[in-house]
PDB file of N, CA and C in Angstrom:
ATOM      1  N   MET A   1       6.035   6.349  35.988  1.00  0.00           N
ATOM      2  CA  MET A   1       7.273   6.122  35.381  1.00  0.00           C
ATOM      3  C   MET A   1       7.210   5.214  34.122  1.00  0.00           C
ATOM      4  N   PHE A   2       6.471   4.034  34.167  1.00  0.00           N
ATOM      5  CA  PHE A   2       6.316   3.123  33.116  1.00  0.00           C
ATOM      6  C   PHE A   2       5.068   3.286  32.355  1.00  0.00           C
ATOM      7  N   ASP A   3       4.236   4.251  32.573  1.00  0.00           N
ATOM      8  CA  ASP A   3       2.962   4.468  31.940  1.00  0.00           C
ATOM      9  C   ASP A   3       3.023   4.476  30.410  1.00  0.00           C
ATOM     10  N   ASN A   4       4.117   5.040  29.881  1.00  0.00           N
ATOM     11  CA  ASN A   4       4.174   5.163  28.406  1.00  0.00           C
ATOM     12  C   ASN A   4       4.808   3.955  27.697  1.00  0.00           C
ATOM     13  N   LEU A   5       5.277   2.982  28.417  1.00  0.00           N
ATOM     14  CA  LEU A   5       5.896   1.750  27.769  1.00  0.00           C
ATOM     15  C   LEU A   5       4.760   0.989  27.130  1.00  0.00           C
ATOM     16  N   GLN A   6       5.074   0.543  25.919  1.00  0.00           N
ATOM     17  CA  GLN A   6       4.140  -0.332  25.173  1.00  0.00           C
ATOM     18  C   GLN A   6       4.584  -1.762  25.283  1.00  0.00           C
ATOM     19  N   PRO A   7       3.733  -2.688  25.686  1.00  0.00           N
ATOM     20  CA  PRO A   7       4.145  -4.067  25.811  1.00  0.00           C
ATOM     21  C   PRO A   7       4.318  -4.764  24.487  1.00  0.00           C
ATOM     22  N   VAL A   8       3.676  -4.216  23.428  1.00  0.00           N
ATOM     23  CA  VAL A   8       3.571  -4.856  22.140  1.00  0.00           C
ATOM     24  C   VAL A   8       3.685  -3.707  21.068  1.00  0.00           C
ATOM     25  N   SER A   9       4.105  -4.031  19.851  1.00  0.00           N
ATOM     26  CA  SER A   9       4.215  -3.046  18.859  1.00  0.00           C
ATOM     27  C   SER A   9       3.616  -3.517  17.547  1.00  0.00           C
ATOM     28  N   LEU A  10       3.429  -2.579  16.574  1.00  0.00           N
ATOM     29  CA  LEU A  10       2.897  -2.931  15.276  1.00  0.00           C
ATOM     30  C   LEU A  10       4.006  -2.491  14.267  1.00  0.00           C
ATOM     31  N   THR A  11       4.216  -3.317  13.264  1.00  0.00           N
ATOM     32  CA  THR A  11       5.018  -2.864  12.150  1.00  0.00           C
ATOM     33  C   THR A  11       4.256  -1.877  11.370  1.00  0.00           C
ATOM     34  N   ALA A  12       4.919  -1.059  10.509  1.00  0.00           N
ATOM     35  CA  ALA A  12       4.263  -0.151   9.657  1.00  0.00           C
ATOM     36  C   ALA A  12       3.308  -0.901   8.621  1.00  0.00           C
ATOM     37  N   ARG A  13       3.718  -2.058   8.209  1.00  0.00           N
ATOM     38  CA  ARG A  13       2.889  -2.820   7.273  1.00  0.00           C
ATOM     39  C   ARG A  13       1.628  -3.393   7.915  1.00  0.00           C
ATOM     40  N   ALA A  14       1.785  -3.818   9.200  1.00  0.00           N
ATOM     41  CA  ALA A  14       0.592  -4.328   9.859  1.00  0.00           C
ATOM     42  C   ALA A  14      -0.367  -3.130  10.167  1.00  0.00           C
ATOM     43  N   ALA A  15       0.108  -2.067  10.525  1.00  0.00           N
ATOM     44  CA  ALA A  15      -0.713  -0.850  10.737  1.00  0.00           C
ATOM     45  C   ALA A  15      -1.427  -0.416   9.514  1.00  0.00           C
ATOM     46  N   GLN A  16      -0.720  -0.455   8.357  1.00  0.00           N
ATOM     47  CA  GLN A  16      -1.300  -0.113   7.095  1.00  0.00           C
ATOM     48  C   GLN A  16      -2.422  -1.061   6.801  1.00  0.00           C
ATOM     49  N   GLU A  17      -2.283  -2.315   7.061  1.00  0.00           N
ATOM     50  CA  GLU A  17      -3.344  -3.300   6.767  1.00  0.00           C
ATOM     51  C   GLU A  17      -4.522  -3.178   7.695  1.00  0.00           C
ATOM     52  N   VAL A  18      -4.234  -2.826   8.989  1.00  0.00           N
ATOM     53  CA  VAL A  18      -5.333  -2.588   9.900  1.00  0.00           C
ATOM     54  C   VAL A  18      -6.203  -1.444   9.498  1.00  0.00           C
ATOM     55  N   LEU A  19      -5.533  -0.340   9.036  1.00  0.00           N
ATOM     56  CA  LEU A  19      -6.276   0.800   8.626  1.00  0.00           C
ATOM     57  C   LEU A  19      -7.125   0.539   7.370  1.00  0.00           C
ATOM     58  N   HIS A  20      -6.525  -0.268   6.433  1.00  0.00           N
ATOM     59  CA  HIS A  20      -7.235  -0.706   5.241  1.00  0.00           C
ATOM     60  C   HIS A  20      -8.419  -1.488   5.614  1.00  0.00           C
ATOM     61  N   ILE A  21      -8.352  -2.424   6.449  1.00  0.00           N
ATOM     62  CA  ILE A  21      -9.402  -3.263   6.982  1.00  0.00           C
ATOM     63  C   ILE A  21     -10.529  -2.396   7.579  1.00  0.00           C
ATOM     64  N   MET A  22     -10.082  -1.451   8.359  1.00  0.00           N
ATOM     65  CA  MET A  22     -11.115  -0.615   9.114  1.00  0.00           C
ATOM     66  C   MET A  22     -11.905   0.219   8.036  1.00  0.00           C
ATOM     67  N   ARG A  23     -11.191   0.615   7.014  1.00  0.00           N
ATOM     68  CA  ARG A  23     -11.934   1.395   5.950  1.00  0.00           C
ATOM     69  C   ARG A  23     -12.815   0.531   5.114  1.00  0.00           C
ATOM     70  N   THR A  24     -12.253  -0.562   4.583  1.00  0.00           N
ATOM     71  CA  THR A  24     -12.978  -1.338   3.635  1.00  0.00           C
ATOM     72  C   THR A  24     -14.056  -2.256   4.277  1.00  0.00           C
ATOM     73  N   LYS A  25     -13.865  -2.663   5.467  1.00  0.00           N
ATOM     74  CA  LYS A  25     -14.817  -3.568   6.137  1.00  0.00           C
ATOM     75  C   LYS A  25     -15.786  -2.842   6.974  1.00  0.00           C
ATOM     76  N   LYS A  26     -15.725  -1.464   6.938  1.00  0.00           N
ATOM     77  CA  LYS A  26     -16.604  -0.622   7.688  1.00  0.00           C
ATOM     78  C   LYS A  26     -16.655  -0.898   9.151  1.00  0.00           C
ATOM     79  N   ILE A  27     -15.517  -1.019   9.770  1.00  0.00           N
ATOM     80  CA  ILE A  27     -15.489  -1.297  11.176  1.00  0.00           C
ATOM     81  C   ILE A  27     -16.179  -0.025  11.853  1.00  0.00           C
ATOM     82  N   PRO A  28     -17.091  -0.167  12.794  1.00  0.00           N
ATOM     83  CA  PRO A  28     -17.838   0.970  13.383  1.00  0.00           C
ATOM     84  C   PRO A  28     -17.018   1.945  14.048  1.00  0.00           C
ATOM     85  N   GLU A  29     -17.455   3.209  14.024  1.00  0.00           N
ATOM     86  CA  GLU A  29     -16.759   4.238  14.825  1.00  0.00           C
ATOM     87  C   GLU A  29     -16.710   3.881  16.309  1.00  0.00           C
ATOM     88  N   GLY A  30     -15.660   4.166  16.945  1.00  0.00           N
ATOM     89  CA  GLY A  30     -15.506   3.832  18.352  1.00  0.00           C
ATOM     90  C   GLY A  30     -14.743   2.489  18.556  1.00  0.00           C
ATOM     91  N   TYR A  31     -14.550   1.671  17.589  1.00  0.00           N
ATOM     92  CA  TYR A  31     -13.836   0.489  17.665  1.00  0.00           C
ATOM     93  C   TYR A  31     -12.266   0.700  17.423  1.00  0.00           C
ATOM     94  N   ALA A  32     -11.539  -0.152  18.021  1.00  0.00           N
ATOM     95  CA  ALA A  32     -10.080  -0.053  17.923  1.00  0.00           C
ATOM     96  C   ALA A  32      -9.555  -1.499  17.788  1.00  0.00           C
ATOM     97  N   LEU A  33      -8.204  -1.571  17.533  1.00  0.00           N
ATOM     98  CA  LEU A  33      -7.629  -2.851  17.370  1.00  0.00           C
ATOM     99  C   LEU A  33      -7.387  -3.442  18.803  1.00  0.00           C
ATOM    100  N   ARG A  34      -7.802  -4.652  19.030  1.00  0.00           N
ATOM    101  CA  ARG A  34      -7.602  -5.302  20.334  1.00  0.00           C
ATOM    102  C   ARG A  34      -6.505  -6.393  20.113  1.00  0.00           C
ATOM    103  N   LEU A  35      -5.440  -6.345  20.941  1.00  0.00           N
ATOM    104  CA  LEU A  35      -4.430  -7.374  21.049  1.00  0.00           C
ATOM    105  C   LEU A  35      -4.489  -8.002  22.407  1.00  0.00           C
ATOM    106  N   GLY A  36      -4.523  -9.346  22.498  1.00  0.00           N
ATOM    107  CA  GLY A  36      -4.619  -9.927  23.799  1.00  0.00           C
ATOM    108  C   GLY A  36      -4.383 -11.392  23.713  1.00  0.00           C
ATOM    109  N   VAL A  37      -4.915 -12.197  24.720  1.00  0.00           N
ATOM    110  CA  VAL A  37      -4.792 -13.617  24.725  1.00  0.00           C
ATOM    111  C   VAL A  37      -6.108 -14.206  25.131  1.00  0.00           C
ATOM    112  N   LYS A  38      -6.203 -15.479  24.778  1.00  0.00           N
ATOM    113  CA  LYS A  38      -7.310 -16.304  25.279  1.00  0.00           C
ATOM    114  C   LYS A  38      -6.776 -17.602  25.719  1.00  0.00           C
ATOM    115  N   GLY A  39      -7.544 -18.323  26.606  1.00  0.00           N
ATOM    116  CA  GLY A  39      -7.047 -19.625  27.109  1.00  0.00           C
ATOM    117  C   GLY A  39      -6.868 -20.616  26.000  1.00  0.00           C
ATOM    118  N   GLY A  40      -5.958 -21.579  26.176  1.00  0.00           N
ATOM    119  CA  GLY A  40      -5.708 -22.662  25.272  1.00  0.00           C
ATOM    120  C   GLY A  40      -4.374 -22.519  24.632  1.00  0.00           C
ATOM    121  N   GLY A  41      -4.136 -23.380  23.691  1.00  0.00           N
ATOM    122  CA  GLY A  41      -2.824 -23.325  22.973  1.00  0.00           C
ATOM    123  C   GLY A  41      -1.765 -24.143  23.771  1.00  0.00           C
ATOM    124  N   CYS A  42      -0.606 -24.313  23.176  1.00  0.00           N
ATOM    125  CA  CYS A  42       0.417 -25.159  23.779  1.00  0.00           C
ATOM    126  C   CYS A  42       0.998 -24.522  25.077  1.00  0.00           C
ATOM    127  N   GLY A  43       1.120 -23.211  25.059  1.00  0.00           N
ATOM    128  CA  GLY A  43       1.640 -22.521  26.276  1.00  0.00           C
ATOM    129  C   GLY A  43       0.644 -22.052  27.356  1.00  0.00           C
ATOM    130  N   GLY A  44      -0.600 -22.549  27.083  1.00  0.00           N
ATOM    131  CA  GLY A  44      -1.691 -22.170  27.970  1.00  0.00           C
ATOM    132  C   GLY A  44      -2.524 -21.019  27.501  1.00  0.00           C
ATOM    133  N   VAL A  45      -1.997 -20.191  26.632  1.00  0.00           N
ATOM    134  CA  VAL A  45      -2.753 -19.119  26.021  1.00  0.00           C
ATOM    135  C   VAL A  45      -2.460 -18.966  24.514  1.00  0.00           C
ATOM    136  N   SER A  46      -3.369 -18.405  23.792  1.00  0.00           N
ATOM    137  CA  SER A  46      -3.242 -18.145  22.365  1.00  0.00           C
ATOM    138  C   SER A  46      -3.362 -16.611  22.166  1.00  0.00           C
ATOM    139  N   LEU A  47      -2.499 -15.985  21.403  1.00  0.00           N
ATOM    140  CA  LEU A  47      -2.516 -14.590  21.092  1.00  0.00           C
ATOM    141  C   LEU A  47      -3.698 -14.260  20.141  1.00  0.00           C
ATOM    142  N   ILE A  48      -4.378 -13.180  20.370  1.00  0.00           N
ATOM    143  CA  ILE A  48      -5.538 -12.845  19.597  1.00  0.00           C
ATOM    144  C   ILE A  48      -5.410 -11.470  19.002  1.00  0.00           C
ATOM    145  N   ILE A  49      -6.027 -11.152  17.897  1.00  0.00           N
ATOM    146  CA  ILE A  49      -6.110  -9.840  17.286  1.00  0.00           C
ATOM    147  C   ILE A  49      -7.518  -9.679  16.758  1.00  0.00           C
ATOM    148  N   GLY A  50      -8.126  -8.488  16.968  1.00  0.00           N
ATOM    149  CA  GLY A  50      -9.447  -8.272  16.485  1.00  0.00           C
ATOM    150  C   GLY A  50      -9.838  -6.889  16.695  1.00  0.00           C
ATOM    151  N   PHE A  51     -11.078  -6.528  16.468  1.00  0.00           N
ATOM    152  CA  PHE A  51     -11.620  -5.143  16.687  1.00  0.00           C
ATOM    153  C   PHE A  51     -12.589  -5.206  17.785  1.00  0.00           C
ATOM    154  N   ASP A  52     -12.613  -4.181  18.679  1.00  0.00           N
ATOM    155  CA  ASP A  52     -13.451  -4.106  19.846  1.00  0.00           C
ATOM    156  C   ASP A  52     -13.646  -2.783  20.312  1.00  0.00           C
ATOM    157  N   ARG A  53     -14.579  -2.564  21.214  1.00  0.00           N
ATOM    158  CA  ARG A  53     -14.718  -1.220  21.898  1.00  0.00           C
ATOM    159  C   ARG A  53     -13.865  -1.284  23.180  1.00  0.00           C
ATOM    160  N   GLN A  54     -13.488  -0.090  23.595  1.00  0.00           N
ATOM    161  CA  GLN A  54     -12.630   0.064  24.832  1.00  0.00           C
ATOM    162  C   GLN A  54     -13.404  -0.354  26.046  1.00  0.00           C
ATOM    163  N   LYS A  55     -12.773  -1.046  26.955  1.00  0.00           N
ATOM    164  CA  LYS A  55     -13.365  -1.538  28.226  1.00  0.00           C
ATOM    165  C   LYS A  55     -12.583  -0.817  29.398  1.00  0.00           C
ATOM    166  N   ALA A  56     -13.116  -0.862  30.516  1.00  0.00           N
ATOM    167  CA  ALA A  56     -12.578  -0.145  31.678  1.00  0.00           C
ATOM    168  C   ALA A  56     -11.222  -0.687  32.107  1.00  0.00           C
ATOM    169  N   SER A  57     -10.998  -1.939  31.819  1.00  0.00           N
ATOM    170  CA  SER A  57      -9.651  -2.548  32.162  1.00  0.00           C
ATOM    171  C   SER A  57      -8.637  -2.449  31.070  1.00  0.00           C
ATOM    172  N   ASP A  58      -8.850  -1.718  30.060  1.00  0.00           N
ATOM    173  CA  ASP A  58      -7.919  -1.638  28.847  1.00  0.00           C
ATOM    174  C   ASP A  58      -6.883  -0.521  29.134  1.00  0.00           C
ATOM    175  N   LEU A  59      -5.693  -0.768  28.581  1.00  0.00           N
ATOM    176  CA  LEU A  59      -4.680   0.214  28.332  1.00  0.00           C
ATOM    177  C   LEU A  59      -4.784   0.560  26.870  1.00  0.00           C
ATOM    178  N   THR A  60      -4.637   1.870  26.523  1.00  0.00           N
ATOM    179  CA  THR A  60      -4.811   2.303  25.135  1.00  0.00           C
ATOM    180  C   THR A  60      -3.469   2.908  24.669  1.00  0.00           C
ATOM    181  N   TYR A  61      -3.050   2.472  23.496  1.00  0.00           N
ATOM    182  CA  TYR A  61      -1.878   2.960  22.806  1.00  0.00           C
ATOM    183  C   TYR A  61      -2.074   3.490  21.527  1.00  0.00           C
ATOM    184  N   GLN A  62      -1.304   4.373  21.043  1.00  0.00           N
ATOM    185  CA  GLN A  62      -1.315   4.776  19.613  1.00  0.00           C
ATOM    186  C   GLN A  62      -0.043   4.311  18.931  1.00  0.00           C
ATOM    187  N   MET A  63      -0.221   3.473  17.910  1.00  0.00           N
ATOM    188  CA  MET A  63       0.835   2.851  17.147  1.00  0.00           C
ATOM    189  C   MET A  63       0.674   3.113  15.749  1.00  0.00           C
ATOM    190  N   GLU A  64       1.539   3.798  15.021  1.00  0.00           N
ATOM    191  CA  GLU A  64       1.518   3.922  13.534  1.00  0.00           C
ATOM    192  C   GLU A  64       0.168   4.360  13.065  1.00  0.00           C
ATOM    193  N   GLY A  65      -0.495   5.282  13.850  1.00  0.00           N
ATOM    194  CA  GLY A  65      -1.829   5.765  13.434  1.00  0.00           C
ATOM    195  C   GLY A  65      -2.990   4.907  13.830  1.00  0.00           C
ATOM    196  N   VAL A  66      -2.776   3.767  14.535  1.00  0.00           N
ATOM    197  CA  VAL A  66      -3.777   2.865  14.945  1.00  0.00           C
ATOM    198  C   VAL A  66      -3.964   2.982  16.483  1.00  0.00           C
ATOM    199  N   THR A  67      -5.201   3.013  16.958  1.00  0.00           N
ATOM    200  CA  THR A  67      -5.490   2.880  18.346  1.00  0.00           C
ATOM    201  C   THR A  67      -5.542   1.472  18.721  1.00  0.00           C
ATOM    202  N   VAL A  68      -4.672   1.082  19.734  1.00  0.00           N
ATOM    203  CA  VAL A  68      -4.549  -0.348  20.125  1.00  0.00           C
ATOM    204  C   VAL A  68      -5.034  -0.464  21.526  1.00  0.00           C
ATOM    205  N   LEU A  69      -5.859  -1.464  21.768  1.00  0.00           N
ATOM    206  CA  LEU A  69      -6.452  -1.784  23.125  1.00  0.00           C
ATOM    207  C   LEU A  69      -5.726  -3.076  23.674  1.00  0.00           C
ATOM    208  N   VAL A  70      -5.323  -3.008  24.925  1.00  0.00           N
ATOM    209  CA  VAL A  70      -4.727  -4.181  25.555  1.00  0.00           C
ATOM    210  C   VAL A  70      -5.266  -4.257  26.986  1.00  0.00           C
ATOM    211  N   ASP A  71      -5.982  -5.369  27.345  1.00  0.00           N
ATOM    212  CA  ASP A  71      -6.516  -5.554  28.745  1.00  0.00           C
ATOM    213  C   ASP A  71      -5.278  -5.599  29.593  1.00  0.00           C
ATOM    214  N   LYS A  72      -5.301  -4.902  30.778  1.00  0.00           N
ATOM    215  CA  LYS A  72      -4.167  -4.872  31.639  1.00  0.00           C
ATOM    216  C   LYS A  72      -3.718  -6.264  32.040  1.00  0.00           C
ATOM    217  N   LYS A  73      -4.616  -7.252  32.206  1.00  0.00           N
ATOM    218  CA  LYS A  73      -4.282  -8.602  32.581  1.00  0.00           C
ATOM    219  C   LYS A  73      -3.502  -9.288  31.464  1.00  0.00           C
ATOM    220  N   HIS A  74      -3.524  -8.856  30.254  1.00  0.00           N
ATOM    221  CA  HIS A  74      -2.933  -9.554  29.145  1.00  0.00           C
ATOM    222  C   HIS A  74      -1.526  -9.002  28.848  1.00  0.00           C
ATOM    223  N   THR A  75      -1.197  -7.901  29.494  1.00  0.00           N
ATOM    224  CA  THR A  75       0.049  -7.195  29.179  1.00  0.00           C
ATOM    225  C   THR A  75       1.307  -8.085  29.284  1.00  0.00           C
ATOM    226  N   MET A  76       1.377  -8.882  30.327  1.00  0.00           N
ATOM    227  CA  MET A  76       2.534  -9.706  30.548  1.00  0.00           C
ATOM    228  C   MET A  76       2.770 -10.772  29.409  1.00  0.00           C
ATOM    229  N   TYR A  77       1.678 -11.135  28.725  1.00  0.00           N
ATOM    230  CA  TYR A  77       1.830 -12.132  27.693  1.00  0.00           C
ATOM    231  C   TYR A  77       2.229 -11.482  26.326  1.00  0.00           C
ATOM    232  N   LEU A  78       2.114 -10.214  26.237  1.00  0.00           N
ATOM    233  CA  LEU A  78       2.456  -9.465  24.979  1.00  0.00           C
ATOM    234  C   LEU A  78       3.826  -8.798  25.029  1.00  0.00           C
ATOM    235  N   ILE A  79       4.422  -8.772  26.163  1.00  0.00           N
ATOM    236  CA  ILE A  79       5.760  -8.090  26.286  1.00  0.00           C
ATOM    237  C   ILE A  79       6.706  -8.699  25.325  1.00  0.00           C
ATOM    238  N   GLY A  80       7.377  -7.899  24.536  1.00  0.00           N
ATOM    239  CA  GLY A  80       8.367  -8.454  23.641  1.00  0.00           C
ATOM    240  C   GLY A  80       7.838  -8.940  22.330  1.00  0.00           C
ATOM    241  N   LYS A  81       6.514  -8.779  22.015  1.00  0.00           N
ATOM    242  CA  LYS A  81       5.905  -9.224  20.872  1.00  0.00           C
ATOM    243  C   LYS A  81       5.749  -8.047  19.886  1.00  0.00           C
ATOM    244  N   LYS A  82       5.708  -8.330  18.595  1.00  0.00           N
ATOM    245  CA  LYS A  82       5.493  -7.338  17.574  1.00  0.00           C
ATOM    246  C   LYS A  82       4.422  -7.966  16.631  1.00  0.00           C
ATOM    247  N   VAL A  83       3.426  -7.155  16.170  1.00  0.00           N
ATOM    248  CA  VAL A  83       2.468  -7.708  15.178  1.00  0.00           C
ATOM    249  C   VAL A  83       2.924  -7.270  13.829  1.00  0.00           C
ATOM    250  N   ASP A  84       3.046  -8.188  12.976  1.00  0.00           N
ATOM    251  CA  ASP A  84       3.452  -7.962  11.553  1.00  0.00           C
ATOM    252  C   ASP A  84       2.425  -8.449  10.612  1.00  0.00           C
ATOM    253  N   PHE A  85       2.456  -8.074   9.412  1.00  0.00           N
ATOM    254  CA  PHE A  85       1.510  -8.619   8.363  1.00  0.00           C
ATOM    255  C   PHE A  85       2.389  -9.189   7.311  1.00  0.00           C
ATOM    256  N   TYR A  86       2.033 -10.443   6.974  1.00  0.00           N
ATOM    257  CA  TYR A  86       2.797 -11.201   5.923  1.00  0.00           C
ATOM    258  C   TYR A  86       1.882 -11.471   4.757  1.00  0.00           C
ATOM    259  N   GLU A  87       2.421 -11.205   3.577  1.00  0.00           N
ATOM    260  CA  GLU A  87       1.714 -11.522   2.362  1.00  0.00           C
ATOM    261  C   GLU A  87       2.636 -12.116   1.416  1.00  0.00           C
ATOM    262  N   GLY A  88       2.361 -13.414   1.143  1.00  0.00           N
ATOM    263  CA  GLY A  88       3.169 -14.230   0.211  1.00  0.00           C
ATOM    264  C   GLY A  88       2.293 -15.129  -0.597  1.00  0.00           C
ATOM    265  N   ALA A  89       2.924 -15.964  -1.396  1.00  0.00           N
ATOM    266  CA  ALA A  89       2.173 -16.803  -2.319  1.00  0.00           C
ATOM    267  C   ALA A  89       1.526 -17.899  -1.569  1.00  0.00           C
ATOM    268  N   ASP A  90       1.999 -18.308  -0.376  1.00  0.00           N
ATOM    269  CA  ASP A  90       1.460 -19.403   0.346  1.00  0.00           C
ATOM    270  C   ASP A  90       0.367 -18.946   1.347  1.00  0.00           C
ATOM    271  N   THR A  91       0.474 -17.752   1.863  1.00  0.00           N
ATOM    272  CA  THR A  91      -0.517 -17.294   2.908  1.00  0.00           C
ATOM    273  C   THR A  91      -0.415 -15.826   3.031  1.00  0.00           C
ATOM    274  N   ARG A  92      -1.390 -15.237   3.726  1.00  0.00           N
ATOM    275  CA  ARG A  92      -1.340 -13.912   4.091  1.00  0.00           C
ATOM    276  C   ARG A  92      -2.027 -13.649   5.384  1.00  0.00           C
ATOM    277  N   GLY A  93      -1.642 -12.764   6.201  1.00  0.00           N
ATOM    278  CA  GLY A  93      -2.356 -12.537   7.474  1.00  0.00           C
ATOM    279  C   GLY A  93      -1.370 -11.898   8.539  1.00  0.00           C
ATOM    280  N   PHE A  94      -1.979 -11.674   9.600  1.00  0.00           N
ATOM    281  CA  PHE A  94      -1.233 -11.030  10.780  1.00  0.00           C
ATOM    282  C   PHE A  94      -0.539 -12.144  11.550  1.00  0.00           C
ATOM    283  N   MET A  95       0.558 -11.778  12.119  1.00  0.00           N
ATOM    284  CA  MET A  95       1.228 -12.796  12.999  1.00  0.00           C
ATOM    285  C   MET A  95       1.975 -12.003  14.074  1.00  0.00           C
ATOM    286  N   PHE A  96       2.147 -12.681  15.165  1.00  0.00           N
ATOM    287  CA  PHE A  96       2.923 -12.181  16.343  1.00  0.00           C
ATOM    288  C   PHE A  96       4.373 -12.710  16.187  1.00  0.00           C
ATOM    289  N   VAL A  97       5.322 -11.791  16.261  1.00  0.00           N
ATOM    290  CA  VAL A  97       6.681 -12.236  16.243  1.00  0.00           C
ATOM    291  C   VAL A  97       7.390 -11.716  17.478  1.00  0.00           C
ATOM    292  N   GLU A  98       8.483 -12.469  17.918  1.00  0.00           N
ATOM    293  CA  GLU A  98       9.349 -12.017  19.020  1.00  0.00           C
ATOM    294  C   GLU A  98      10.198 -10.860  18.615  1.00  0.00           C
ATOM    295  N   VAL A  99      10.304  -9.876  19.378  1.00  0.00           N
ATOM    296  CA  VAL A  99      11.239  -8.736  19.148  1.00  0.00           C
ATOM    297  C   VAL A  99      12.635  -9.175  19.693  1.00  0.00           C
ATOM    298  N   PRO A 100      13.643  -9.213  18.798  1.00  0.00           N
ATOM    299  CA  PRO A 100      15.020  -9.615  19.271  1.00  0.00           C
ATOM    300  C   PRO A 100      15.536  -8.652  20.304  1.00  0.00           C
TER     301      PRO A 100
END
């Protein structure tokens, strides 16, 4: 019943930047975007974004033309989050934002 629900989403701008990075940085075939957490940070975990190969414990989603991997154990930390890409005079990069 809940198999198709996505715990996290990508904005179109973030997806466009991911695809650009995959092309220009020559990310190897078989790699996908990984969203997850690692220990540490103020709340006990820090959100992470990177490229990785699929593992047995991963859930796989298609978002805006990007294959996204999320370890099943990390799902609860990503619920209600959206990955956006910000580009301004002061900084540029990916960020996790709360979905209202």
